[in-house]
Protein backbone atom coordinates (compact mmCIF):
# COMPACT_ATOMS: atom_id res chain seq x y z
CA MET A 1 72.96 24.60 4.40
CA LEU A 2 73.11 25.53 8.08
CA ASN A 3 70.95 22.56 9.08
CA GLY A 4 73.18 20.27 7.05
CA LEU A 5 76.25 21.59 8.85
CA LYS A 6 74.59 21.16 12.28
CA ASN A 7 73.51 17.62 11.43
CA THR A 8 77.00 16.77 10.20
CA ILE A 9 78.54 17.95 13.47
CA ARG A 10 75.98 15.93 15.46
CA LEU A 11 76.66 12.91 13.24
CA LEU A 12 80.34 13.06 14.12
CA ALA A 13 79.42 13.18 17.81
CA ILE A 14 77.19 10.11 17.36
CA VAL A 15 79.95 8.18 15.56
CA ARG A 16 82.39 9.11 18.34
CA THR A 17 79.98 7.78 20.99
CA LEU A 18 79.45 4.56 19.04
CA ALA A 19 83.23 4.12 18.79
CA ARG A 20 83.77 4.71 22.52
CA GLN A 21 81.25 1.97 23.29
CA ASP A 22 82.73 -0.37 20.64
CA ALA A 23 79.39 -0.22 18.81
CA LEU A 24 80.46 0.66 15.27
CA TRP A 25 79.10 -2.63 13.98
CA PRO A 26 75.83 -1.10 12.60
CA LEU A 27 77.94 1.13 10.33
CA GLU A 28 80.10 -1.80 9.29
CA GLN A 29 77.08 -3.95 8.48
CA ALA A 30 75.57 -1.04 6.53
CA GLY A 31 78.56 -1.10 4.20
CA ALA A 32 80.79 1.67 5.57
CA SER A 33 84.30 1.10 4.26
CA LYS A 34 87.07 0.03 6.61
CA LEU A 35 89.20 2.88 5.28
CA ALA A 36 86.55 5.46 6.27
CA LEU A 37 86.17 3.98 9.76
CA MET A 38 89.89 3.57 10.43
CA PRO A 39 90.48 7.16 11.69
CA VAL A 40 87.41 6.84 13.92
CA LYS A 41 88.73 3.62 15.45
CA ILE A 42 92.20 5.08 15.97
CA LEU A 43 90.89 8.25 17.64
CA TRP A 44 87.97 7.05 19.71
CA ARG A 45 87.44 3.31 19.75
CA ARG A 46 87.54 1.54 23.12
CA LYS A 47 87.39 -2.23 23.47
CA ARG A 48 84.32 -3.29 25.44
CA GLN A 49 83.07 -6.61 26.76
CA GLY A 50 79.59 -7.86 25.98
CA ARG A 51 77.28 -8.67 23.08
CA SER A 52 76.78 -6.39 20.11
CA GLY A 53 73.31 -5.42 21.27
CA GLU A 54 74.56 -4.56 24.75
CA LYS A 55 77.25 -2.29 23.31
CA LEU A 56 74.70 -0.53 21.11
CA ALA A 57 72.35 -0.12 24.09
CA ASN A 58 75.17 1.48 26.11
CA ALA A 59 75.94 3.89 23.26
CA LEU A 60 72.29 4.90 22.91
CA THR A 61 72.12 5.51 26.65
CA ASP A 62 75.12 7.84 26.40
CA LEU A 63 73.49 9.70 23.49
CA GLY A 64 70.49 10.72 25.57
CA PRO A 65 66.74 10.29 26.02
CA THR A 66 65.65 10.45 22.38
CA PHE A 67 68.17 7.78 21.43
CA ILE A 68 67.01 5.63 24.35
CA LYS A 69 63.46 5.87 23.02
CA LEU A 70 64.71 5.03 19.52
CA GLY A 71 66.46 1.95 20.89
CA GLN A 72 63.26 0.86 22.60
CA ALA A 73 61.39 1.32 19.32
CA LEU A 74 64.02 -0.77 17.52
CA SER A 75 63.60 -3.49 20.15
CA VAL A 76 60.20 -4.14 18.57
CA ARG A 77 61.84 -4.62 15.17
CA SER A 78 63.55 -7.98 15.58
CA ASP A 79 62.85 -8.45 11.88
CA LEU A 80 65.33 -5.63 11.25
CA VAL A 81 68.00 -5.85 13.95
CA GLY A 82 67.83 -9.54 14.84
CA GLU A 83 66.26 -11.22 17.83
CA ARG A 84 69.29 -11.10 20.15
CA VAL A 85 69.97 -7.40 19.54
CA ALA A 86 66.25 -6.66 19.98
CA GLU A 87 66.34 -8.38 23.38
CA ASP A 88 69.31 -6.27 24.47
CA LEU A 89 67.67 -3.05 23.30
CA ALA A 90 64.48 -3.96 25.16
CA ARG A 91 66.48 -3.77 28.41
CA LEU A 92 67.31 -0.09 27.89
CA GLN A 93 66.48 1.77 31.08
CA ASP A 94 64.52 4.94 30.39
CA SER A 95 65.63 6.92 33.45
CA LEU A 96 67.13 10.37 33.85
CA PRO A 97 67.87 12.77 36.71
CA PRO A 98 64.67 14.52 37.81
CA PHE A 99 63.90 18.15 37.00
CA ALA A 100 63.32 20.67 39.80
CA TYR A 101 60.24 20.67 42.01
CA GLU A 102 59.66 24.35 41.21
CA THR A 103 59.43 23.48 37.51
CA ALA A 104 56.98 20.66 38.22
CA LYS A 105 54.85 22.96 40.39
CA ALA A 106 54.80 25.69 37.74
CA THR A 107 53.78 23.20 35.03
CA VAL A 108 50.88 21.83 37.09
CA GLU A 109 49.60 25.31 37.97
CA ARG A 110 49.89 26.57 34.40
CA GLU A 111 48.23 23.51 32.86
CA LEU A 112 45.40 23.19 35.39
CA GLY A 113 44.87 26.89 36.00
CA GLU A 114 44.88 26.72 39.82
CA PRO A 115 47.46 26.97 42.62
CA LEU A 116 49.03 23.66 43.57
CA ASP A 117 47.64 23.77 47.11
CA ALA A 118 44.13 24.27 45.75
CA LEU A 119 44.46 21.00 43.82
CA PHE A 120 46.46 18.84 46.23
CA ALA A 121 46.57 18.66 50.01
CA GLU A 122 50.01 17.04 49.74
CA PHE A 123 52.49 16.95 46.85
CA ALA A 124 55.84 15.17 47.21
CA LYS A 125 58.76 17.34 46.20
CA GLU A 126 60.88 14.35 45.14
CA PRO A 127 59.55 12.29 42.20
CA VAL A 128 59.11 8.53 42.53
CA ALA A 129 60.30 8.04 38.93
CA ALA A 130 61.99 10.22 36.30
CA ALA A 131 62.17 9.15 32.64
CA SER A 132 63.08 10.82 29.36
CA ILE A 133 59.67 12.32 28.68
CA ALA A 134 58.13 12.83 32.12
CA GLN A 135 58.47 12.26 35.85
CA VAL A 136 55.93 11.08 38.43
CA HIS A 137 55.15 12.57 41.85
CA LYS A 138 53.02 11.05 44.57
CA ALA A 139 50.28 13.38 45.86
CA GLN A 140 47.05 13.53 47.82
CA THR A 141 44.05 15.40 46.49
CA THR A 142 42.10 17.89 48.60
CA ASP A 143 39.38 15.26 49.05
CA GLY A 144 41.87 12.73 50.48
CA ARG A 145 42.65 10.42 47.52
CA GLN A 146 46.18 9.14 46.91
CA VAL A 147 47.21 9.86 43.31
CA ALA A 148 50.14 9.71 40.91
CA VAL A 149 50.86 12.93 39.01
CA LYS A 150 52.81 12.55 35.77
CA ILE A 151 54.40 15.76 34.42
CA LEU A 152 56.16 16.29 31.09
CA ARG A 153 59.72 17.55 31.11
CA PRO A 154 60.18 21.22 30.18
CA ASP A 155 60.89 21.79 26.46
CA VAL A 156 60.78 18.05 25.82
CA GLU A 157 58.84 18.54 22.58
CA LYS A 158 61.50 20.86 21.16
CA ARG A 159 64.31 18.44 22.01
CA PHE A 160 62.53 15.48 20.46
CA ASP A 161 61.58 17.45 17.34
CA GLN A 162 65.24 18.32 16.78
CA ASP A 163 66.38 14.74 17.31
CA VAL A 164 63.67 13.26 15.11
CA ALA A 165 64.62 15.69 12.32
CA LEU A 166 68.18 14.40 12.69
CA PHE A 167 66.92 10.79 12.53
CA PHE A 168 65.05 11.48 9.28
CA TRP A 169 68.19 13.10 7.84
CA LEU A 170 70.35 10.14 8.87
CA ALA A 171 67.80 7.66 7.50
CA GLY A 172 67.83 9.46 4.16
CA LEU A 173 71.63 9.42 4.05
CA GLY A 174 71.76 5.76 5.00
CA GLU A 175 69.25 4.68 2.36
CA ARG A 176 71.04 6.80 -0.25
CA PHE A 177 74.67 5.83 0.34
CA PHE A 178 74.39 2.37 1.93
CA PRO A 179 72.33 0.03 -0.29
CA LYS A 180 72.25 -2.68 2.38
CA LEU A 181 70.15 -0.38 4.57
CA LYS A 182 67.32 -0.03 2.06
CA ARG A 183 65.73 -3.28 3.18
CA LEU A 184 65.53 -1.90 6.74
CA ARG A 185 63.20 0.91 5.59
CA LEU A 186 64.83 3.33 8.01
CA SER A 187 62.55 6.25 7.14
CA GLU A 188 59.56 4.07 7.96
CA VAL A 189 61.12 3.10 11.30
CA VAL A 190 61.71 6.76 12.16
CA GLN A 191 58.16 7.68 11.15
CA THR A 192 56.72 4.96 13.41
CA PHE A 193 58.96 6.14 16.24
CA HIS A 194 57.83 9.74 15.68
CA GLU A 195 54.17 8.75 15.89
CA TRP A 196 54.72 6.86 19.16
CA VAL A 197 56.53 9.78 20.75
CA LEU A 198 53.86 12.28 19.67
CA VAL A 199 51.23 10.23 21.51
CA GLU A 200 53.39 10.01 24.63
CA MET A 201 53.81 13.80 24.65
CA ASP A 202 50.09 14.49 25.01
CA LEU A 203 49.10 13.08 28.37
CA ARG A 204 45.41 13.53 27.57
CA LEU A 205 45.84 10.75 25.00
CA GLU A 206 47.42 8.51 27.63
CA ALA A 207 44.49 9.27 29.94
CA ALA A 208 42.07 8.37 27.16
CA ALA A 209 43.91 5.08 26.58
CA ALA A 210 43.65 4.20 30.28
CA SER A 211 39.96 5.09 30.26
CA GLU A 212 39.28 2.93 27.19
CA LEU A 213 41.16 -0.03 28.63
CA ALA A 214 39.27 0.33 31.93
CA GLU A 215 35.94 0.36 30.09
CA ASN A 216 36.85 -2.72 28.03
CA CYS A 217 37.96 -4.72 31.07
CA ALA A 218 35.42 -3.47 33.63
CA GLU A 219 33.85 -6.93 34.05
CA ASP A 220 37.06 -8.97 33.85
CA GLU A 221 37.97 -10.85 37.01
CA GLY A 222 41.40 -10.27 38.50
CA PHE A 223 42.21 -7.09 36.55
CA ARG A 224 41.66 -3.41 37.23
CA VAL A 225 42.87 -0.20 35.57
CA PRO A 226 43.58 2.78 37.87
CA GLU A 227 41.04 5.57 37.60
CA VAL A 228 41.91 8.79 35.76
CA ASP A 229 41.29 12.09 37.54
CA TRP A 230 40.14 14.13 34.54
CA ASP A 231 39.78 17.33 36.60
CA ARG A 232 43.53 17.23 37.26
CA THR A 233 44.63 16.10 33.78
CA ALA A 234 45.79 18.26 30.86
CA LYS A 235 48.20 18.05 27.92
CA ARG A 236 51.30 18.11 30.13
CA VAL A 237 49.83 16.71 33.36
CA LEU A 238 48.21 13.33 34.03
CA CYS A 239 46.65 12.43 37.37
CA THR A 240 45.63 8.85 38.13
CA GLU A 241 44.80 6.75 41.14
CA TRP A 242 47.89 5.70 43.11
CA VAL A 243 48.71 2.00 42.68
CA THR A 244 50.06 -0.08 45.54
CA GLY A 245 51.23 -3.65 45.22
CA LEU A 246 54.06 -5.94 44.21
CA ARG A 247 55.67 -6.19 40.79
CA ILE A 248 54.30 -9.15 38.86
CA ASP A 249 57.79 -10.67 38.59
CA ASP A 250 58.48 -10.46 42.36
CA LEU A 251 57.97 -14.18 42.87
CA GLU A 252 59.23 -14.33 46.46
CA GLY A 253 57.23 -11.26 47.48
CA LEU A 254 54.03 -12.64 45.93
CA ARG A 255 54.38 -15.94 47.76
CA ALA A 256 55.27 -14.23 51.03
CA ALA A 257 52.13 -12.11 50.72
CA GLY A 258 50.04 -15.27 50.32
CA HIS A 259 49.16 -14.83 46.64
CA ASP A 260 48.41 -17.83 44.43
CA VAL A 261 51.12 -17.40 41.79
CA GLU A 262 49.46 -19.76 39.32
CA LYS A 263 46.22 -17.81 39.67
CA VAL A 264 48.09 -14.59 38.91
CA LEU A 265 49.56 -16.22 35.79
CA GLU A 266 46.13 -17.48 34.74
CA HIS A 267 44.64 -13.99 35.09
CA SER A 268 47.56 -12.53 33.13
CA ALA A 269 47.15 -14.96 30.23
CA ARG A 270 43.38 -14.52 30.10
CA ILE A 271 43.48 -10.72 30.24
CA PHE A 272 46.12 -10.49 27.53
CA PHE A 273 44.10 -12.75 25.25
CA LEU A 274 40.91 -10.77 25.84
CA GLN A 275 42.61 -7.45 25.18
CA VAL A 276 43.99 -8.62 21.85
CA PHE A 277 41.20 -10.79 20.44
CA ARG A 278 38.05 -9.54 22.13
CA ASP A 279 38.83 -5.82 22.25
CA GLY A 280 41.58 -5.31 19.68
CA PHE A 281 43.20 -2.83 22.08
CA PHE A 282 46.08 -3.91 24.29
CA HIS A 283 48.73 -2.53 26.64
CA ALA A 284 51.89 -2.67 24.53
CA ASP A 285 54.42 -1.71 27.22
CA ILE A 286 53.58 -4.41 29.73
CA HIS A 287 57.05 -5.05 31.16
CA PRO A 288 57.14 -6.16 34.83
CA GLY A 289 57.68 -2.61 36.07
CA ASN A 290 54.33 -1.61 34.59
CA MET A 291 52.22 -4.40 36.12
CA PHE A 292 51.48 -4.76 39.83
CA VAL A 293 49.56 -7.24 41.98
CA ASP A 294 47.57 -5.59 44.77
CA GLU A 295 46.81 -7.04 48.21
CA ASN A 296 43.75 -8.87 46.81
CA GLY A 297 45.70 -10.50 43.97
CA ILE A 298 44.26 -8.11 41.37
CA LEU A 299 46.50 -7.26 38.40
CA THR A 300 46.85 -3.48 38.02
CA PRO A 301 48.73 -1.93 35.08
CA VAL A 302 50.29 1.53 34.89
CA ASP A 303 51.79 3.71 32.12
CA PHE A 304 49.47 3.73 29.11
CA GLY A 305 51.65 5.75 26.74
CA ILE A 306 52.19 2.87 24.29
CA MET A 307 49.07 0.96 23.30
CA GLY A 308 48.43 -1.35 20.36
CA ARG A 309 45.36 -1.82 18.17
CA VAL A 310 44.39 -4.84 16.09
CA ASP A 311 41.40 -4.48 13.76
CA TRP A 312 38.84 -7.25 13.30
CA PRO A 313 40.18 -8.78 10.04
CA THR A 314 43.68 -8.87 11.54
CA ARG A 315 42.38 -10.60 14.66
CA LEU A 316 40.81 -13.31 12.52
CA PHE A 317 44.04 -13.55 10.52
CA LEU A 318 46.09 -13.92 13.72
CA ALA A 319 43.77 -16.56 15.14
CA ASP A 320 43.80 -18.65 11.96
CA MET A 321 47.56 -18.29 11.64
CA LEU A 322 48.35 -19.30 15.23
CA ILE A 323 45.95 -22.24 15.15
CA GLY A 324 47.47 -23.37 11.86
CA PHE A 325 50.97 -23.23 13.32
CA LEU A 326 49.98 -25.11 16.47
CA GLN A 327 48.35 -27.81 14.32
CA ARG A 328 51.44 -27.84 12.04
CA ASP A 329 49.15 -27.14 9.08
CA TYR A 330 51.63 -24.95 7.20
CA ARG A 331 49.58 -24.92 4.00
CA LYS A 332 46.70 -23.40 5.97
CA VAL A 333 49.01 -20.75 7.41
CA SER A 334 50.28 -19.99 3.91
CA ASP A 335 46.74 -19.70 2.53
CA VAL A 336 45.81 -17.34 5.36
CA HIS A 337 48.67 -15.01 4.44
CA PHE A 338 47.81 -14.99 0.74
CA ASP A 339 44.06 -14.62 1.31
CA MET A 340 44.68 -11.67 3.65
CA GLY A 341 46.94 -10.06 1.07
CA VAL A 342 49.89 -10.00 3.48
CA VAL A 343 52.01 -11.85 0.90
CA PRO A 344 51.72 -10.58 -2.70
CA PRO A 345 49.93 -12.99 -5.11
CA HIS A 346 52.93 -13.26 -7.45
CA LYS A 347 54.92 -15.09 -4.77
CA SER A 348 54.99 -18.89 -4.64
CA ARG A 349 52.61 -20.49 -2.12
CA ASP A 350 54.68 -23.64 -2.12
CA ALA A 351 57.88 -21.75 -1.36
CA PHE A 352 56.16 -19.77 1.39
CA THR A 353 54.72 -22.96 2.87
CA GLN A 354 58.22 -24.45 2.94
CA ALA A 355 59.56 -21.31 4.68
CA LEU A 356 56.77 -21.56 7.26
CA ARG A 357 57.70 -25.17 7.98
CA ALA A 358 61.31 -24.10 8.51
CA ILE A 359 60.06 -21.56 11.04
CA GLY A 360 57.57 -23.77 12.84
CA GLU A 361 59.25 -27.14 13.19
CA PRO A 362 62.25 -26.06 15.33
CA LEU A 363 59.99 -24.15 17.71
CA LEU A 364 57.00 -26.47 17.84
CA GLY A 365 59.19 -29.53 18.33
CA LYS A 366 60.05 -28.37 21.85
CA PRO A 367 58.25 -29.39 25.05
CA LEU A 368 54.93 -27.61 25.47
CA ASN A 369 56.13 -25.33 28.25
CA GLU A 370 59.02 -24.10 26.06
CA ILE A 371 56.94 -23.13 23.03
CA SER A 372 56.96 -19.35 22.49
CA LEU A 373 54.31 -17.92 20.19
CA GLY A 374 56.03 -14.56 20.48
CA ARG A 375 59.26 -15.98 19.07
CA LEU A 376 57.25 -17.78 16.42
CA LEU A 377 55.89 -14.43 15.23
CA ALA A 378 59.38 -12.91 15.43
CA HIS A 379 60.78 -15.56 13.07
CA LEU A 380 57.80 -15.10 10.77
CA PHE A 381 58.35 -11.35 10.51
CA GLN A 382 61.99 -11.99 9.56
CA THR A 383 60.76 -13.45 6.25
CA THR A 384 59.47 -10.03 5.14
CA GLU A 385 62.34 -9.38 2.74
CA ASP A 386 62.12 -12.68 0.86
CA PHE A 387 58.35 -12.59 0.41
CA ASP A 388 57.69 -8.82 0.27
CA MET A 389 55.42 -8.96 3.30
CA GLU A 390 54.21 -5.54 4.38
CA THR A 391 55.34 -4.55 7.87
CA GLN A 392 52.52 -3.79 10.33
CA PRO A 393 53.77 -1.82 13.36
CA ASP A 394 50.93 -2.93 15.65
CA LEU A 395 51.67 -6.59 14.93
CA LEU A 396 55.31 -5.96 15.81
CA LEU A 397 54.16 -4.35 19.05
CA LEU A 398 52.00 -7.40 19.71
CA GLN A 399 54.90 -9.76 19.06
CA LYS A 400 57.15 -7.85 21.46
CA THR A 401 54.43 -7.79 24.11
CA MET A 402 53.87 -11.54 23.73
CA VAL A 403 57.57 -12.22 24.30
CA VAL A 404 57.59 -10.07 27.45
CA ALA A 405 54.39 -11.72 28.74
CA GLU A 406 55.83 -15.18 28.10
CA GLY A 407 59.01 -14.25 29.96
CA VAL A 408 57.01 -13.17 33.01
CA GLY A 409 54.87 -16.30 32.78
CA ARG A 410 57.91 -18.58 32.78
CA LYS A 411 59.29 -16.80 35.82
CA LEU A 412 56.03 -17.33 37.69
CA ASN A 413 55.84 -20.98 36.66
CA PRO A 414 58.52 -22.45 34.35
CA LYS A 415 56.50 -25.64 33.87
CA VAL A 416 53.39 -23.94 32.46
CA ASN A 417 52.81 -22.44 29.02
CA MET A 418 50.64 -19.37 29.60
CA TRP A 419 48.84 -19.85 26.26
CA MET A 420 47.63 -23.28 27.37
CA LEU A 421 46.03 -21.58 30.38
CA ALA A 422 44.07 -19.45 27.92
CA GLN A 423 43.22 -22.45 25.69
CA PRO A 424 39.54 -22.67 26.73
CA LEU A 425 39.13 -18.99 25.85
CA ILE A 426 40.90 -19.52 22.54
CA GLU A 427 38.66 -22.47 21.65
CA ASP A 428 35.48 -20.62 22.64
CA TRP A 429 36.55 -17.55 20.70
CA MET A 430 37.35 -19.61 17.59
CA ILE A 431 33.97 -21.37 17.74
CA ALA A 432 32.15 -18.08 18.28
CA ASN A 433 33.97 -16.21 15.52
CA ARG A 434 35.20 -18.84 13.03
CA GLY A 435 32.75 -21.73 13.42
CA PRO A 436 29.61 -22.55 11.37
CA GLU A 437 27.36 -20.40 13.56
CA ALA A 438 29.67 -17.43 13.07
CA GLN A 439 29.63 -17.94 9.31
CA LEU A 440 25.81 -18.06 9.29
CA ARG A 441 25.70 -14.96 11.47
CA GLN A 442 28.03 -13.12 9.10
CA ALA A 443 25.97 -14.22 6.10
CA ALA A 444 22.85 -12.85 7.83
CA ILE A 445 24.63 -9.55 8.51
CA ASP A 446 25.79 -9.33 4.89
CA GLY A 447 22.24 -10.09 3.70
CA LYS A 448 20.78 -7.43 5.99
CA ASN A 449 23.28 -4.89 4.73
CA LEU A 450 22.42 -5.76 1.14
CA ILE A 451 18.69 -5.34 1.82
CA MET A 452 19.31 -1.97 3.46
CA ARG A 453 21.28 -0.85 0.41
CA LEU A 454 18.71 -2.17 -2.08
CA PRO A 455 16.45 0.95 -2.28
CA GLY A 456 19.42 3.16 -3.00
CA MET A 457 20.76 0.68 -5.56
CA LEU A 458 17.37 0.60 -7.35
CA GLU A 459 17.23 4.38 -7.43
CA LYS A 460 20.72 4.49 -8.92
CA ALA A 461 19.73 1.78 -11.41
CA ASP A 462 16.78 3.92 -12.56
CA ARG A 463 19.10 6.84 -13.16
CA ALA A 464 21.55 4.62 -15.04
CA LEU A 465 18.76 3.19 -17.25
CA ALA A 466 17.52 6.70 -18.02
CA LEU A 467 21.07 7.57 -19.08
CA MET A 468 21.15 4.50 -21.33
CA GLU A 469 17.84 5.49 -22.95
CA ARG A 470 19.14 8.98 -23.73
CA ILE A 471 22.27 7.50 -25.30
CA GLU A 472 20.26 4.98 -27.37
CA ALA A 473 17.89 7.74 -28.49
CA GLY A 474 20.93 9.40 -30.10
CA GLY A 475 20.21 12.94 -29.11
CA GLY A 476 22.81 14.40 -31.46
CA ASN A 477 24.99 15.99 -28.86
CA ASP A 478 25.45 12.59 -27.22
CA HIS A 479 27.23 11.21 -30.26
CA ARG A 480 29.28 14.35 -30.66
CA GLY A 481 30.28 13.99 -27.04
CA ILE A 482 31.60 10.50 -27.76
CA TRP A 483 33.19 10.94 -31.17
CA GLY A 484 33.64 14.70 -31.54
CA LYS A 485 31.49 14.57 -34.73
CA ARG A 486 28.34 12.89 -36.03
CA PRO A 487 28.68 9.78 -38.24
CA ASN A 488 28.11 10.43 -41.94
CA SER A 489 26.00 7.35 -42.62
CA ALA A 490 23.70 4.88 -40.96
CA GLY A 491 26.09 2.04 -41.72
CA ASN A 492 29.20 1.04 -39.85
CA GLY A 493 29.48 4.44 -38.18
CA VAL A 494 26.09 4.00 -36.50
CA LYS A 495 26.99 0.44 -35.46
CA LEU A 496 30.22 1.68 -33.96
CA VAL A 497 28.44 4.49 -32.18
CA THR A 498 25.76 2.11 -30.91
CA GLY A 499 28.34 -0.39 -29.73
CA PHE A 500 30.40 2.29 -28.03
CA SER A 501 27.25 3.73 -26.49
CA LEU A 502 26.39 0.34 -25.05
CA VAL A 503 29.87 0.00 -23.51
CA THR A 504 29.58 3.53 -22.12
CA ALA A 505 26.14 2.74 -20.71
CA ILE A 506 27.39 -0.41 -19.01
CA ALA A 507 30.30 1.50 -17.51
CA ALA A 508 27.94 4.25 -16.37
CA LEU A 509 25.60 1.68 -14.82
CA SER A 510 28.51 0.09 -12.91
CA LEU A 511 29.75 3.42 -11.65
CA VAL A 512 26.32 4.57 -10.52
CA LEU A 513 25.40 1.30 -8.82
CA PHE A 514 28.66 0.70 -6.97
CA GLN A 515 30.00 4.20 -6.27
């Protein structure tokens, strides 16, 4: 009861903020009646200039850090909010006033168990960046290394837990009272958001992500992940090598520093492809502020709180789908979706193929340098409602990351499609993983696995046959176990028992062999 009252009061505050930013349109689209919204508009509404997505982004900014994070999560869901609104939400700036140096110092000392001056020879009192979850200080270790120290905000977990509980409550209300919202699967969106935030609030997990990415890309030319200082890292503190360089979108700065911009773009396209298809683990927050070019032209990422994973079957699915689209083979793309189980079998392949053509032709008919695979995926995901396609959060992360990467690529060189720079890698990967040799290699692996399982299968078969023999021998209790009583004659009753015993034996054999 008390929680419901608190949530209701907070809901009114949210509606008031939406009205002041002229961003009541989500409620109107959800089916809220004009009569119910009229008092809100009279009391609080202010006319604002700009697109609907911009107004919503401004309202979320006013509502605070958790709502900013929610907006950023929604920016991945262009299938839910629309592509233009998703673009506006992606521009949300996650910045807040910094918390006090004394608080940062106390957190570091408590988490690492040593005085600050025993860990760092220098520690800047003013942070270089302050966001909703953490802030970053520049420091120098006692052995002379320049490092970045990321520190969680005090009580940030409690604040986010309260806000996420409110989000779940609002999602439940929306799905209950506004039927139009059911297709948006709001509870699922909130759950995905909750999982992302939980990872960001344990900086050891971010350190592990950076370490894994560094290991995967250790031999890749033109790319380097900053080293983690594990001795100075804990749940609420992350210490990494300090990164110097220019933002990847600073075109004038890159040229003035003598960097080959096309080479930078080539490295960017190649690394992104390798992360997704070779490793299945990619940086999913790769906006220009998180990617730097050092003095040697090496790409260096920062901020590993949001990472994406793509398992092996999904990588093959993605490769087949993208190749099918680029070849305008829409039947192949349709077959890939049905074979993968992404589209339920009761749906029409012909209708889905037609929908794919409607998606592909407008995009693929453009000049090569204007083709966006990220937008292609975005339009594809918007068909989820019509064809009951299951939403996969990591694929949505991938789609968003592709759009951002393409935007940076066009800024570096508007005449070049970054995916064409990676074409030799794509072709080699397809031959290695989808060609005849790959199929023979997979058949050999499957055969080897079968041979390794054979002794166990034979042992299970022996046990199953012994069970069949006991049933056929009719040990009295066996028949009672099946029928509850023994047959009175050796006629039809015995035939029925024998037939049922055979069915039972076959079922037992199947269960034993394939359990």
